[in-house]
Amino acid sequence: MSELIAFWASFAASALFAGPVLKGLIALKSRQNVYNLAPETHQKKQGTPTMGGLIILLGLVVGTLVADQDWKVCLWVLGFALIGFADDFIVPRLMKGKRGLGWKQKLLPQAVLAVLAAPVFHLHWDAWTVGVSAFVVLFYCNAYNFADGLDGMAGTLGILICFGLDFLGTFLREPFPHMPLTALLGAIIPFLFLNAPPARVFMGDVGSLPIGALFGAASSVLMFGHYRSGFALGAPGNDSAHMLVPVLILSFVMIAELVPVPMQVAYFKLTKKRLFPMTPIHHSFEVKGWPESRVVWTFILAQLLLLYLALGVNITFINQRTHELNALNLGVQR
């Protein structure tokens, strides 16, 4: 019942505020500033309103607070939104010629908030857990940020990832952020209506960074939580492969979006040549002549297949462990 409340409250709030937020963004002239080296087909998006992620954030916060009053998670998520707001709006306004924050200016506050994921999401406060969870949060918030830009892609990928993480979290004994994820599902739908091709608004960093961070935090809880049967995960010496493998499978599209970017930069600095036609990797397909709709649907279908594969691996593991536990209990009784 609480998850149903979170979903419908967030959906209603996002749907209610979607129109006013879009009008406000147009009035503020918060517009997409397309990178001049982006594919030629991408240049038509120049001037499209950005920061549409505010629509999602409003629903996410309303749904989460109405369902379980988890204000700590909401404040943590809004911290990433502030970084995105500075990148989307403040810096381009104050510094002419700059598209946003530099990568160092952007990464440092993200790292501080990523470290705080451990206490906010009830993870153990030790060096291993804090370090790995911070890395996962940083990975996801920047990978999801790269996925924003093609009509309908980031929102649809977000729904699939959100559903996968929420389903995997049902097998944990640890506190899991079900309400924020369920609220996020409801909040993305009204945004997708406006982001469907041709997109009337884009998510922007103000939306992609906090959403990605929430995915990273949920993934960390999965990897460091405890399975309901009592098998400990994530700690040295325990069977961390149970949730690690499904999470990696579910995250493969995000890995493909993020990893080629630093590889491209490093390779170009060493050889003055490009390793990929263009990064983020979805631009490579555009450069090869793929229509935008084919690129988007390829990524969405890949994410859908990965979702089912991750769930299948997880359920197979659970069935195996259940049989082992039943055999062990039977042996003890004898």
C-alpha atoms as a PDB file:
ATOM      1  CA  MET A   1       0.000   0.000   0.000  1.00  0.00           C
ATOM      2  CA  SER A   2       2.821   2.426   0.836  1.00  0.00           C
ATOM      3  CA  GLU A   3       4.447   1.845  -2.543  1.00  0.00           C
ATOM      4  CA  LEU A   4       1.144   2.419  -4.320  1.00  0.00           C
ATOM      5  CA  ILE A   5       0.770   5.694  -2.423  1.00  0.00           C
ATOM      6  CA  ALA A   6       4.331   6.691  -3.341  1.00  0.00           C
ATOM      7  CA  PHE A   7       3.729   5.935  -7.023  1.00  0.00           C
ATOM      8  CA  TRP A   8       0.414   7.735  -7.412  1.00  0.00           C
ATOM      9  CA  ALA A   9       1.378  10.712  -5.245  1.00  0.00           C
ATOM     10  CA  SER A  10       4.540  11.251  -7.279  1.00  0.00           C
ATOM     11  CA  PHE A  11       2.724  10.766 -10.582  1.00  0.00           C
ATOM     12  CA  ALA A  12       0.021  13.259  -9.589  1.00  0.00           C
ATOM     13  CA  ALA A  13       2.546  15.855  -8.402  1.00  0.00           C
ATOM     14  CA  SER A  14       4.688  15.553 -11.545  1.00  0.00           C
ATOM     15  CA  ALA A  15       1.665  15.663 -13.839  1.00  0.00           C
ATOM     16  CA  LEU A  16       0.286  18.690 -11.993  1.00  0.00           C
ATOM     17  CA  PHE A  17       3.534  20.668 -12.127  1.00  0.00           C
ATOM     18  CA  ALA A  18       4.788  19.536 -15.563  1.00  0.00           C
ATOM     19  CA  GLY A  19       3.050  22.317 -17.502  1.00  0.00           C
ATOM     20  CA  PRO A  20       3.944  25.170 -15.105  1.00  0.00           C
ATOM     21  CA  VAL A  21       7.554  23.995 -14.844  1.00  0.00           C
ATOM     22  CA  LEU A  22       7.907  23.868 -18.636  1.00  0.00           C
ATOM     23  CA  LYS A  23       6.447  27.362 -18.970  1.00  0.00           C
ATOM     24  CA  GLY A  24       8.799  28.589 -16.249  1.00  0.00           C
ATOM     25  CA  LEU A  25      11.835  27.090 -17.999  1.00  0.00           C
ATOM     26  CA  ILE A  26      10.842  28.762 -21.253  1.00  0.00           C
ATOM     27  CA  ALA A  27      10.375  32.090 -19.451  1.00  0.00           C
ATOM     28  CA  LEU A  28      13.798  31.740 -17.795  1.00  0.00           C
ATOM     29  CA  LYS A  29      15.311  30.852 -21.185  1.00  0.00           C
ATOM     30  CA  SER A  30      16.859  27.722 -19.727  1.00  0.00           C
ATOM     31  CA  ARG A  31      17.749  26.175 -23.049  1.00  0.00           C
ATOM     32  CA  GLN A  32      19.847  23.278 -24.308  1.00  0.00           C
ATOM     33  CA  ASN A  33      23.348  24.329 -25.321  1.00  0.00           C
ATOM     34  CA  VAL A  34      24.477  21.574 -27.674  1.00  0.00           C
ATOM     35  CA  TYR A  35      28.203  20.832 -27.871  1.00  0.00           C
ATOM     36  CA  ASN A  36      29.517  22.139 -31.192  1.00  0.00           C
ATOM     37  CA  LEU A  37      31.269  18.829 -31.975  1.00  0.00           C
ATOM     38  CA  ALA A  38      28.114  16.767 -31.416  1.00  0.00           C
ATOM     39  CA  PRO A  39      26.680  14.965 -34.470  1.00  0.00           C
ATOM     40  CA  GLU A  40      25.070  17.212 -37.070  1.00  0.00           C
ATOM     41  CA  THR A  41      21.689  15.556 -36.502  1.00  0.00           C
ATOM     42  CA  HIS A  42      21.996  16.507 -32.828  1.00  0.00           C
ATOM     43  CA  GLN A  43      22.400  20.212 -33.531  1.00  0.00           C
ATOM     44  CA  LYS A  44      18.650  20.600 -34.143  1.00  0.00           C
ATOM     45  CA  LYS A  45      18.146  20.237 -30.379  1.00  0.00           C
ATOM     46  CA  GLN A  46      19.893  23.559 -29.791  1.00  0.00           C
ATOM     47  CA  GLY A  47      17.574  25.832 -27.808  1.00  0.00           C
ATOM     48  CA  THR A  48      15.249  23.101 -26.506  1.00  0.00           C
ATOM     49  CA  PRO A  49      14.368  23.828 -22.860  1.00  0.00           C
ATOM     50  CA  THR A  50      16.451  21.903 -20.340  1.00  0.00           C
ATOM     51  CA  MET A  51      16.187  21.271 -16.558  1.00  0.00           C
ATOM     52  CA  GLY A  52      12.999  19.259 -17.127  1.00  0.00           C
ATOM     53  CA  GLY A  53      14.328  17.002 -14.385  1.00  0.00           C
ATOM     54  CA  LEU A  54      12.675  19.447 -11.966  1.00  0.00           C
ATOM     55  CA  ILE A  55       9.373  17.832 -12.957  1.00  0.00           C
ATOM     56  CA  ILE A  56      10.711  14.452 -11.834  1.00  0.00           C
ATOM     57  CA  LEU A  57      12.277  15.815  -8.642  1.00  0.00           C
ATOM     58  CA  LEU A  58       9.018  17.400  -7.510  1.00  0.00           C
ATOM     59  CA  GLY A  59       7.201  14.094  -7.884  1.00  0.00           C
ATOM     60  CA  LEU A  60      10.032  12.103  -6.321  1.00  0.00           C
ATOM     61  CA  VAL A  61      10.148  14.273  -3.200  1.00  0.00           C
ATOM     62  CA  VAL A  62       6.357  14.464  -2.805  1.00  0.00           C
ATOM     63  CA  GLY A  63       5.886  10.714  -3.291  1.00  0.00           C
ATOM     64  CA  THR A  64       8.708   9.779  -0.907  1.00  0.00           C
ATOM     65  CA  LEU A  65       7.594  12.132   1.862  1.00  0.00           C
ATOM     66  CA  VAL A  66       3.925  11.198   1.564  1.00  0.00           C
ATOM     67  CA  ALA A  67       4.715   7.455   1.674  1.00  0.00           C
ATOM     68  CA  ASP A  68       7.296   7.231   4.461  1.00  0.00           C
ATOM     69  CA  GLN A  69       8.616  10.742   5.298  1.00  0.00           C
ATOM     70  CA  ASP A  70      12.190   9.769   4.412  1.00  0.00           C
ATOM     71  CA  TRP A  71      13.503  13.347   4.435  1.00  0.00           C
ATOM     72  CA  LYS A  72      17.167  12.258   4.681  1.00  0.00           C
ATOM     73  CA  VAL A  73      17.026  10.569   1.275  1.00  0.00           C
ATOM     74  CA  CYS A  74      15.174  13.569  -0.169  1.00  0.00           C
ATOM     75  CA  LEU A  75      17.806  16.031   1.105  1.00  0.00           C
ATOM     76  CA  TRP A  76      20.604  13.809  -0.201  1.00  0.00           C
ATOM     77  CA  VAL A  77      18.993  13.587  -3.644  1.00  0.00           C
ATOM     78  CA  LEU A  78      18.385  17.347  -3.704  1.00  0.00           C
ATOM     79  CA  GLY A  79      22.082  17.874  -2.977  1.00  0.00           C
ATOM     80  CA  PHE A  80      22.920  16.313  -6.347  1.00  0.00           C
ATOM     81  CA  ALA A  81      20.142  18.385  -7.923  1.00  0.00           C
ATOM     82  CA  LEU A  82      21.853  21.568  -6.664  1.00  0.00           C
ATOM     83  CA  ILE A  83      25.071  20.532  -8.400  1.00  0.00           C
ATOM     84  CA  GLY A  84      23.072  19.945 -11.572  1.00  0.00           C
ATOM     85  CA  PHE A  85      21.318  23.313 -11.215  1.00  0.00           C
ATOM     86  CA  ALA A  86      24.679  25.077 -10.958  1.00  0.00           C
ATOM     87  CA  ASP A  87      25.850  23.244 -14.087  1.00  0.00           C
ATOM     88  CA  ASP A  88      22.636  23.797 -16.078  1.00  0.00           C
ATOM     89  CA  PHE A  89      21.724  27.325 -15.099  1.00  0.00           C
ATOM     90  CA  ILE A  90      24.000  29.290 -12.768  1.00  0.00           C
ATOM     91  CA  VAL A  91      27.392  28.850 -14.468  1.00  0.00           C
ATOM     92  CA  PRO A  92      26.164  29.433 -18.073  1.00  0.00           C
ATOM     93  CA  ARG A  93      24.415  32.610 -16.869  1.00  0.00           C
ATOM     94  CA  LEU A  94      27.308  34.015 -14.856  1.00  0.00           C
ATOM     95  CA  MET A  95      30.181  32.965 -17.134  1.00  0.00           C
ATOM     96  CA  LYS A  96      29.630  33.681 -20.812  1.00  0.00           C
ATOM     97  CA  GLY A  97      30.996  31.035 -23.128  1.00  0.00           C
ATOM     98  CA  LYS A  98      30.901  28.254 -20.495  1.00  0.00           C
ATOM     99  CA  ARG A  99      28.441  25.402 -20.940  1.00  0.00           C
ATOM    100  CA  GLY A 100      28.626  24.461 -17.264  1.00  0.00           C
ATOM    101  CA  LEU A 101      30.906  23.370 -14.445  1.00  0.00           C
ATOM    102  CA  GLY A 102      34.347  21.944 -15.156  1.00  0.00           C
ATOM    103  CA  TRP A 103      34.720  18.235 -14.445  1.00  0.00           C
ATOM    104  CA  LYS A 104      36.758  18.852 -11.264  1.00  0.00           C
ATOM    105  CA  GLN A 105      34.264  21.413  -9.956  1.00  0.00           C
ATOM    106  CA  LYS A 106      31.489  18.963 -10.708  1.00  0.00           C
ATOM    107  CA  LEU A 107      33.133  15.845  -9.301  1.00  0.00           C
ATOM    108  CA  LEU A 108      34.280  17.184  -5.910  1.00  0.00           C
ATOM    109  CA  PRO A 109      30.825  18.001  -4.447  1.00  0.00           C
ATOM    110  CA  GLN A 110      29.517  14.774  -5.967  1.00  0.00           C
ATOM    111  CA  ALA A 111      32.237  12.843  -4.119  1.00  0.00           C
ATOM    112  CA  VAL A 112      31.307  14.464  -0.792  1.00  0.00           C
ATOM    113  CA  LEU A 113      27.658  13.524  -1.226  1.00  0.00           C
ATOM    114  CA  ALA A 114      28.601  10.044  -2.465  1.00  0.00           C
ATOM    115  CA  VAL A 115      30.473   9.357   0.787  1.00  0.00           C
ATOM    116  CA  LEU A 116      27.329  10.337   2.708  1.00  0.00           C
ATOM    117  CA  ALA A 117      25.383   7.608   0.912  1.00  0.00           C
ATOM    118  CA  ALA A 118      26.533   5.104   3.566  1.00  0.00           C
ATOM    119  CA  PRO A 119      24.821   6.752   6.576  1.00  0.00           C
ATOM    120  CA  VAL A 120      21.823   7.979   4.568  1.00  0.00           C
ATOM    121  CA  PHE A 121      21.051   4.486   3.232  1.00  0.00           C
ATOM    122  CA  HIS A 122      22.006   2.615   6.433  1.00  0.00           C
ATOM    123  CA  LEU A 123      25.183   0.988   5.140  1.00  0.00           C
ATOM    124  CA  HIS A 124      28.044   0.020   7.467  1.00  0.00           C
ATOM    125  CA  TRP A 125      30.432   2.879   8.201  1.00  0.00           C
ATOM    126  CA  ASP A 126      33.736   1.211   7.313  1.00  0.00           C
ATOM    127  CA  ALA A 127      36.366   2.098   4.715  1.00  0.00           C
ATOM    128  CA  TRP A 128      35.497  -0.736   2.325  1.00  0.00           C
ATOM    129  CA  THR A 129      31.738  -0.104   2.288  1.00  0.00           C
ATOM    130  CA  VAL A 130      32.017   3.692   2.160  1.00  0.00           C
ATOM    131  CA  GLY A 131      34.638   3.611  -0.598  1.00  0.00           C
ATOM    132  CA  VAL A 132      32.849   1.143  -2.865  1.00  0.00           C
ATOM    133  CA  SER A 133      29.410   2.672  -2.359  1.00  0.00           C
ATOM    134  CA  ALA A 134      30.800   6.152  -3.098  1.00  0.00           C
ATOM    135  CA  PHE A 135      32.390   4.825  -6.292  1.00  0.00           C
ATOM    136  CA  VAL A 136      29.117   3.205  -7.402  1.00  0.00           C
ATOM    137  CA  VAL A 137      27.152   6.405  -6.713  1.00  0.00           C
ATOM    138  CA  LEU A 138      29.666   8.495  -8.689  1.00  0.00           C
ATOM    139  CA  PHE A 139      29.632   5.994 -11.523  1.00  0.00           C
ATOM    140  CA  TYR A 140      25.862   5.902 -11.818  1.00  0.00           C
ATOM    141  CA  CYS A 141      25.170   9.621 -11.501  1.00  0.00           C
ATOM    142  CA  ASN A 142      27.652  10.465 -14.277  1.00  0.00           C
ATOM    143  CA  ALA A 143      26.729   7.503 -16.503  1.00  0.00           C
ATOM    144  CA  TYR A 144      23.050   8.397 -16.342  1.00  0.00           C
ATOM    145  CA  ASN A 145      23.970  12.021 -17.018  1.00  0.00           C
ATOM    146  CA  PHE A 146      25.640  10.948 -20.286  1.00  0.00           C
ATOM    147  CA  ALA A 147      22.489   9.022 -21.268  1.00  0.00           C
ATOM    148  CA  ASP A 148      20.414  12.228 -21.292  1.00  0.00           C
ATOM    149  CA  GLY A 149      20.161  14.028 -24.623  1.00  0.00           C
ATOM    150  CA  LEU A 150      18.278  11.771 -27.045  1.00  0.00           C
ATOM    151  CA  ASP A 151      14.495  12.037 -27.144  1.00  0.00           C
ATOM    152  CA  GLY A 152      12.915   9.649 -24.665  1.00  0.00           C
ATOM    153  CA  MET A 153      16.049   7.610 -23.934  1.00  0.00           C
ATOM    154  CA  ALA A 154      17.113   8.646 -20.421  1.00  0.00           C
ATOM    155  CA  GLY A 155      13.578   8.508 -19.040  1.00  0.00           C
ATOM    156  CA  THR A 156      12.786   5.083 -20.471  1.00  0.00           C
ATOM    157  CA  LEU A 157      16.140   3.643 -19.394  1.00  0.00           C
ATOM    158  CA  GLY A 158      15.472   5.109 -15.955  1.00  0.00           C
ATOM    159  CA  ILE A 159      12.128   3.327 -15.665  1.00  0.00           C
ATOM    160  CA  LEU A 160      13.688  -0.043 -16.587  1.00  0.00           C
ATOM    161  CA  ILE A 161      16.653   0.359 -14.223  1.00  0.00           C
ATOM    162  CA  CYS A 162      14.350   1.575 -11.463  1.00  0.00           C
ATOM    163  CA  PHE A 163      12.070  -1.434 -11.820  1.00  0.00           C
ATOM    164  CA  GLY A 164      15.012  -3.847 -11.846  1.00  0.00           C
ATOM    165  CA  LEU A 165      16.619  -2.395  -8.715  1.00  0.00           C
ATOM    166  CA  ASP A 166      13.288  -2.268  -6.880  1.00  0.00           C
ATOM    167  CA  PHE A 167      12.554  -5.913  -7.710  1.00  0.00           C
ATOM    168  CA  LEU A 168      16.024  -7.075  -6.611  1.00  0.00           C
ATOM    169  CA  GLY A 169      15.588  -5.157  -3.362  1.00  0.00           C
ATOM    170  CA  THR A 170      12.606  -7.299  -2.370  1.00  0.00           C
ATOM    171  CA  PHE A 171      15.018 -10.137  -1.499  1.00  0.00           C
ATOM    172  CA  LEU A 172      16.979  -8.150   1.112  1.00  0.00           C
ATOM    173  CA  ARG A 173      16.571  -8.097   4.880  1.00  0.00           C
ATOM    174  CA  GLU A 174      18.273  -4.682   4.980  1.00  0.00           C
ATOM    175  CA  PRO A 175      16.383  -1.359   4.691  1.00  0.00           C
ATOM    176  CA  PHE A 176      16.052  -0.720   0.960  1.00  0.00           C
ATOM    177  CA  PRO A 177      14.920   2.562  -0.698  1.00  0.00           C
ATOM    178  CA  HIS A 178      11.723   1.100  -2.154  1.00  0.00           C
ATOM    179  CA  MET A 179       9.701   4.286  -1.657  1.00  0.00           C
ATOM    180  CA  PRO A 180      12.075   6.662  -3.486  1.00  0.00           C
ATOM    181  CA  LEU A 181      12.433   4.218  -6.383  1.00  0.00           C
ATOM    182  CA  THR A 182       8.672   3.675  -6.630  1.00  0.00           C
ATOM    183  CA  ALA A 183       8.091   7.428  -6.406  1.00  0.00           C
ATOM    184  CA  LEU A 184      10.681   7.891  -9.163  1.00  0.00           C
ATOM    185  CA  LEU A 185       8.742   5.510 -11.421  1.00  0.00           C
ATOM    186  CA  GLY A 186       5.619   7.599 -11.070  1.00  0.00           C
ATOM    187  CA  ALA A 187       7.468  10.886 -11.491  1.00  0.00           C
ATOM    188  CA  ILE A 188       9.228   9.948 -14.745  1.00  0.00           C
ATOM    189  CA  ILE A 189       6.011   9.219 -16.675  1.00  0.00           C
ATOM    190  CA  PRO A 190       4.751  12.846 -16.995  1.00  0.00           C
ATOM    191  CA  PHE A 191       8.274  13.943 -17.896  1.00  0.00           C
ATOM    192  CA  LEU A 192       8.436  11.305 -20.653  1.00  0.00           C
ATOM    193  CA  PHE A 193       5.241  12.712 -22.147  1.00  0.00           C
ATOM    194  CA  LEU A 194       7.108  15.988 -22.712  1.00  0.00           C
ATOM    195  CA  ASN A 195      10.402  14.312 -23.597  1.00  0.00           C
ATOM    196  CA  ALA A 196       8.922  12.022 -26.269  1.00  0.00           C
ATOM    197  CA  PRO A 197      10.101  12.821 -29.811  1.00  0.00           C
ATOM    198  CA  PRO A 198      10.250  15.545 -30.763  1.00  0.00           C
ATOM    199  CA  ALA A 199      11.345  16.447 -27.236  1.00  0.00           C
ATOM    200  CA  ARG A 200       9.834  19.618 -25.789  1.00  0.00           C
ATOM    201  CA  VAL A 201      12.197  19.511 -22.802  1.00  0.00           C
ATOM    202  CA  PHE A 202      15.321  17.630 -21.682  1.00  0.00           C
ATOM    203  CA  MET A 203      16.153  16.343 -18.233  1.00  0.00           C
ATOM    204  CA  GLY A 204      19.369  18.278 -17.712  1.00  0.00           C
ATOM    205  CA  ASP A 205      21.939  17.665 -14.989  1.00  0.00           C
ATOM    206  CA  VAL A 206      19.448  18.875 -12.394  1.00  0.00           C
ATOM    207  CA  GLY A 207      17.525  15.661 -13.033  1.00  0.00           C
ATOM    208  CA  SER A 208      20.054  13.148 -14.334  1.00  0.00           C
ATOM    209  CA  LEU A 209      22.602  13.570 -11.512  1.00  0.00           C
ATOM    210  CA  PRO A 210      20.192  12.949  -8.583  1.00  0.00           C
ATOM    211  CA  ILE A 211      18.384  10.133 -10.391  1.00  0.00           C
ATOM    212  CA  GLY A 212      21.673   8.426 -11.239  1.00  0.00           C
ATOM    213  CA  ALA A 213      22.887   8.924  -7.668  1.00  0.00           C
ATOM    214  CA  LEU A 214      19.744   7.238  -6.327  1.00  0.00           C
ATOM    215  CA  PHE A 215      20.354   4.288  -8.670  1.00  0.00           C
ATOM    216  CA  GLY A 216      23.940   4.080  -7.407  1.00  0.00           C
ATOM    217  CA  ALA A 217      22.848   4.156  -3.770  1.00  0.00           C
ATOM    218  CA  ALA A 218      20.234   1.437  -4.361  1.00  0.00           C
ATOM    219  CA  SER A 219      22.862  -0.688  -6.128  1.00  0.00           C
ATOM    220  CA  SER A 220      25.191  -0.262  -3.155  1.00  0.00           C
ATOM    221  CA  VAL A 221      22.494  -1.380  -0.720  1.00  0.00           C
ATOM    222  CA  LEU A 222      21.957  -4.470  -2.879  1.00  0.00           C
ATOM    223  CA  MET A 223      25.654  -5.354  -2.879  1.00  0.00           C
ATOM    224  CA  PHE A 224      26.209  -4.708   0.826  1.00  0.00           C
ATOM    225  CA  GLY A 225      22.876  -5.827   2.204  1.00  0.00           C
ATOM    226  CA  HIS A 226      21.914  -9.225   3.541  1.00  0.00           C
ATOM    227  CA  TYR A 227      19.864 -11.784   1.692  1.00  0.00           C
ATOM    228  CA  ARG A 228      16.702 -12.911   3.481  1.00  0.00           C
ATOM    229  CA  SER A 229      18.019 -16.453   3.964  1.00  0.00           C
ATOM    230  CA  GLY A 230      20.913 -15.064   6.005  1.00  0.00           C
ATOM    231  CA  PHE A 231      23.739 -15.164   3.468  1.00  0.00           C
ATOM    232  CA  ALA A 232      25.867 -12.060   3.970  1.00  0.00           C
ATOM    233  CA  LEU A 233      26.826 -10.113   0.864  1.00  0.00           C
ATOM    234  CA  GLY A 234      29.459  -7.573   0.017  1.00  0.00           C
ATOM    235  CA  ALA A 235      31.816  -8.144   2.923  1.00  0.00           C
ATOM    236  CA  PRO A 236      35.223  -9.796   2.418  1.00  0.00           C
ATOM    237  CA  GLY A 237      34.959 -13.563   2.743  1.00  0.00           C
ATOM    238  CA  ASN A 238      31.231 -13.718   1.999  1.00  0.00           C
ATOM    239  CA  ASP A 239      29.276 -14.516  -1.122  1.00  0.00           C
ATOM    240  CA  SER A 240      29.094 -11.047  -2.666  1.00  0.00           C
ATOM    241  CA  ALA A 241      28.510 -12.546  -6.124  1.00  0.00           C
ATOM    242  CA  HIS A 242      24.799 -13.016  -5.389  1.00  0.00           C
ATOM    243  CA  MET A 243      23.811  -9.393  -5.952  1.00  0.00           C
ATOM    244  CA  LEU A 244      27.010  -8.210  -7.607  1.00  0.00           C
ATOM    245  CA  VAL A 245      26.388 -10.166 -10.814  1.00  0.00           C
ATOM    246  CA  PRO A 246      22.747  -9.078 -11.311  1.00  0.00           C
ATOM    247  CA  VAL A 247      23.661  -5.460 -10.556  1.00  0.00           C
ATOM    248  CA  LEU A 248      26.508  -5.557 -13.078  1.00  0.00           C
ATOM    249  CA  ILE A 249      24.212  -7.070 -15.714  1.00  0.00           C
ATOM    250  CA  LEU A 250      21.517  -4.481 -15.045  1.00  0.00           C
ATOM    251  CA  SER A 251      24.125  -1.694 -15.261  1.00  0.00           C
ATOM    252  CA  PHE A 252      25.753  -2.738 -18.539  1.00  0.00           C
ATOM    253  CA  VAL A 253      24.143   0.013 -20.655  1.00  0.00           C
ATOM    254  CA  MET A 254      25.311   2.600 -18.108  1.00  0.00           C
ATOM    255  CA  ILE A 255      28.803   1.083 -18.207  1.00  0.00           C
ATOM    256  CA  ALA A 256      28.749   1.375 -22.007  1.00  0.00           C
ATOM    257  CA  GLU A 257      27.714   5.030 -21.700  1.00  0.00           C
ATOM    258  CA  LEU A 258      30.396   6.054 -19.186  1.00  0.00           C
ATOM    259  CA  VAL A 259      33.533   3.959 -19.713  1.00  0.00           C
ATOM    260  CA  PRO A 260      34.253   4.950 -23.364  1.00  0.00           C
ATOM    261  CA  VAL A 261      34.388   8.655 -22.393  1.00  0.00           C
ATOM    262  CA  PRO A 262      37.615   8.555 -20.315  1.00  0.00           C
ATOM    263  CA  MET A 263      39.020   5.923 -22.694  1.00  0.00           C
ATOM    264  CA  GLN A 264      38.448   8.303 -25.618  1.00  0.00           C
ATOM    265  CA  VAL A 265      40.107  11.206 -23.783  1.00  0.00           C
ATOM    266  CA  ALA A 266      43.153   9.158 -22.742  1.00  0.00           C
ATOM    267  CA  TYR A 267      43.598   7.577 -26.174  1.00  0.00           C
ATOM    268  CA  PHE A 268      43.335  10.934 -27.939  1.00  0.00           C
ATOM    269  CA  LYS A 269      45.912  12.518 -25.625  1.00  0.00           C
ATOM    270  CA  LEU A 270      48.347   9.663 -26.317  1.00  0.00           C
ATOM    271  CA  THR A 271      47.816   9.203 -30.051  1.00  0.00           C
ATOM    272  CA  LYS A 272      45.916  12.299 -31.275  1.00  0.00           C
ATOM    273  CA  LYS A 273      43.405   9.839 -32.752  1.00  0.00           C
ATOM    274  CA  ARG A 274      39.939   8.780 -31.704  1.00  0.00           C
ATOM    275  CA  LEU A 275      39.289   5.349 -30.276  1.00  0.00           C
ATOM    276  CA  PHE A 276      35.534   5.651 -30.955  1.00  0.00           C
ATOM    277  CA  PRO A 277      33.789   7.755 -33.608  1.00  0.00           C
ATOM    278  CA  MET A 278      32.303   9.867 -30.790  1.00  0.00           C
ATOM    279  CA  THR A 279      31.421   9.655 -27.099  1.00  0.00           C
ATOM    280  CA  PRO A 280      29.146   9.180 -25.222  1.00  0.00           C
ATOM    281  CA  ILE A 281      28.782   5.988 -27.175  1.00  0.00           C
ATOM    282  CA  HIS A 282      25.243   6.634 -28.451  1.00  0.00           C
ATOM    283  CA  HIS A 283      26.695   9.469 -30.547  1.00  0.00           C
ATOM    284  CA  SER A 284      28.887   6.934 -32.353  1.00  0.00           C
ATOM    285  CA  PHE A 285      25.779   5.307 -33.799  1.00  0.00           C
ATOM    286  CA  GLU A 286      24.470   8.711 -34.889  1.00  0.00           C
ATOM    287  CA  VAL A 287      27.782   9.462 -36.591  1.00  0.00           C
ATOM    288  CA  LYS A 288      27.485   6.144 -38.449  1.00  0.00           C
ATOM    289  CA  GLY A 289      24.186   7.339 -39.869  1.00  0.00           C
ATOM    290  CA  TRP A 290      21.663   5.639 -37.600  1.00  0.00           C
ATOM    291  CA  PRO A 291      18.403   7.581 -37.155  1.00  0.00           C
ATOM    292  CA  GLU A 292      17.947   8.843 -33.608  1.00  0.00           C
ATOM    293  CA  SER A 293      14.871   6.659 -33.093  1.00  0.00           C
ATOM    294  CA  ARG A 294      16.865   3.512 -33.934  1.00  0.00           C
ATOM    295  CA  VAL A 295      19.623   4.462 -31.494  1.00  0.00           C
ATOM    296  CA  VAL A 296      17.113   5.119 -28.721  1.00  0.00           C
ATOM    297  CA  TRP A 297      15.189   1.900 -29.272  1.00  0.00           C
ATOM    298  CA  THR A 298      18.391  -0.150 -29.512  1.00  0.00           C
ATOM    299  CA  PHE A 299      19.482   1.087 -26.102  1.00  0.00           C
ATOM    300  CA  ILE A 300      16.015   0.615 -24.604  1.00  0.00           C
ATOM    301  CA  LEU A 301      15.659  -2.933 -25.952  1.00  0.00           C
ATOM    302  CA  ALA A 302      19.174  -3.786 -24.742  1.00  0.00           C
ATOM    303  CA  GLN A 303      18.271  -2.504 -21.276  1.00  0.00           C
ATOM    304  CA  LEU A 304      15.048  -4.517 -21.291  1.00  0.00           C
ATOM    305  CA  LEU A 305      16.911  -7.723 -22.159  1.00  0.00           C
ATOM    306  CA  LEU A 306      19.531  -7.008 -19.489  1.00  0.00           C
ATOM    307  CA  LEU A 307      16.764  -6.416 -16.955  1.00  0.00           C
ATOM    308  CA  TYR A 308      15.260  -9.848 -17.578  1.00  0.00           C
ATOM    309  CA  LEU A 309      18.690 -11.473 -17.592  1.00  0.00           C
ATOM    310  CA  ALA A 310      19.578  -9.878 -14.243  1.00  0.00           C
ATOM    311  CA  LEU A 311      16.295 -10.989 -12.695  1.00  0.00           C
ATOM    312  CA  GLY A 312      16.751 -14.485 -14.103  1.00  0.00           C
ATOM    313  CA  VAL A 313      20.260 -14.809 -12.661  1.00  0.00           C
ATOM    314  CA  ASN A 314      19.036 -13.594  -9.284  1.00  0.00           C
ATOM    315  CA  ILE A 315      16.065 -15.955  -9.136  1.00  0.00           C
ATOM    316  CA  THR A 316      18.258 -18.889 -10.202  1.00  0.00           C
ATOM    317  CA  PHE A 317      20.680 -18.089  -7.384  1.00  0.00           C
ATOM    318  CA  ILE A 318      17.838 -17.828  -4.856  1.00  0.00           C
ATOM    319  CA  ASN A 319      16.397 -21.183  -5.888  1.00  0.00           C
ATOM    320  CA  GLN A 320      19.815 -22.803  -5.609  1.00  0.00           C
ATOM    321  CA  ARG A 321      20.427 -21.311  -2.165  1.00  0.00           C
ATOM    322  CA  THR A 322      16.966 -22.320  -0.990  1.00  0.00           C
ATOM    323  CA  HIS A 323      17.602 -25.940  -1.964  1.00  0.00           C
ATOM    324  CA  GLU A 324      20.972 -25.837  -0.193  1.00  0.00           C
ATOM    325  CA  LEU A 325      19.434 -24.414   2.970  1.00  0.00           C
ATOM    326  CA  ASN A 326      16.618 -26.962   2.930  1.00  0.00           C
ATOM    327  CA  ALA A 327      19.132 -29.801   2.521  1.00  0.00           C
ATOM    328  CA  LEU A 328      21.273 -28.351   5.333  1.00  0.00           C
ATOM    329  CA  ASN A 329      18.303 -28.015   7.678  1.00  0.00           C
ATOM    330  CA  LEU A 330      17.160 -31.532   6.840  1.00  0.00           C
ATOM    331  CA  GLY A 331      20.641 -32.849   7.639  1.00  0.00           C
ATOM    332  CA  VAL A 332      20.706 -31.043  10.993  1.00  0.00           C
ATOM    333  CA  GLN A 333      17.283 -32.402  11.931  1.00  0.00           C
ATOM    334  CA  ARG A 334      18.452 -35.942  11.177  1.00  0.00           C
END
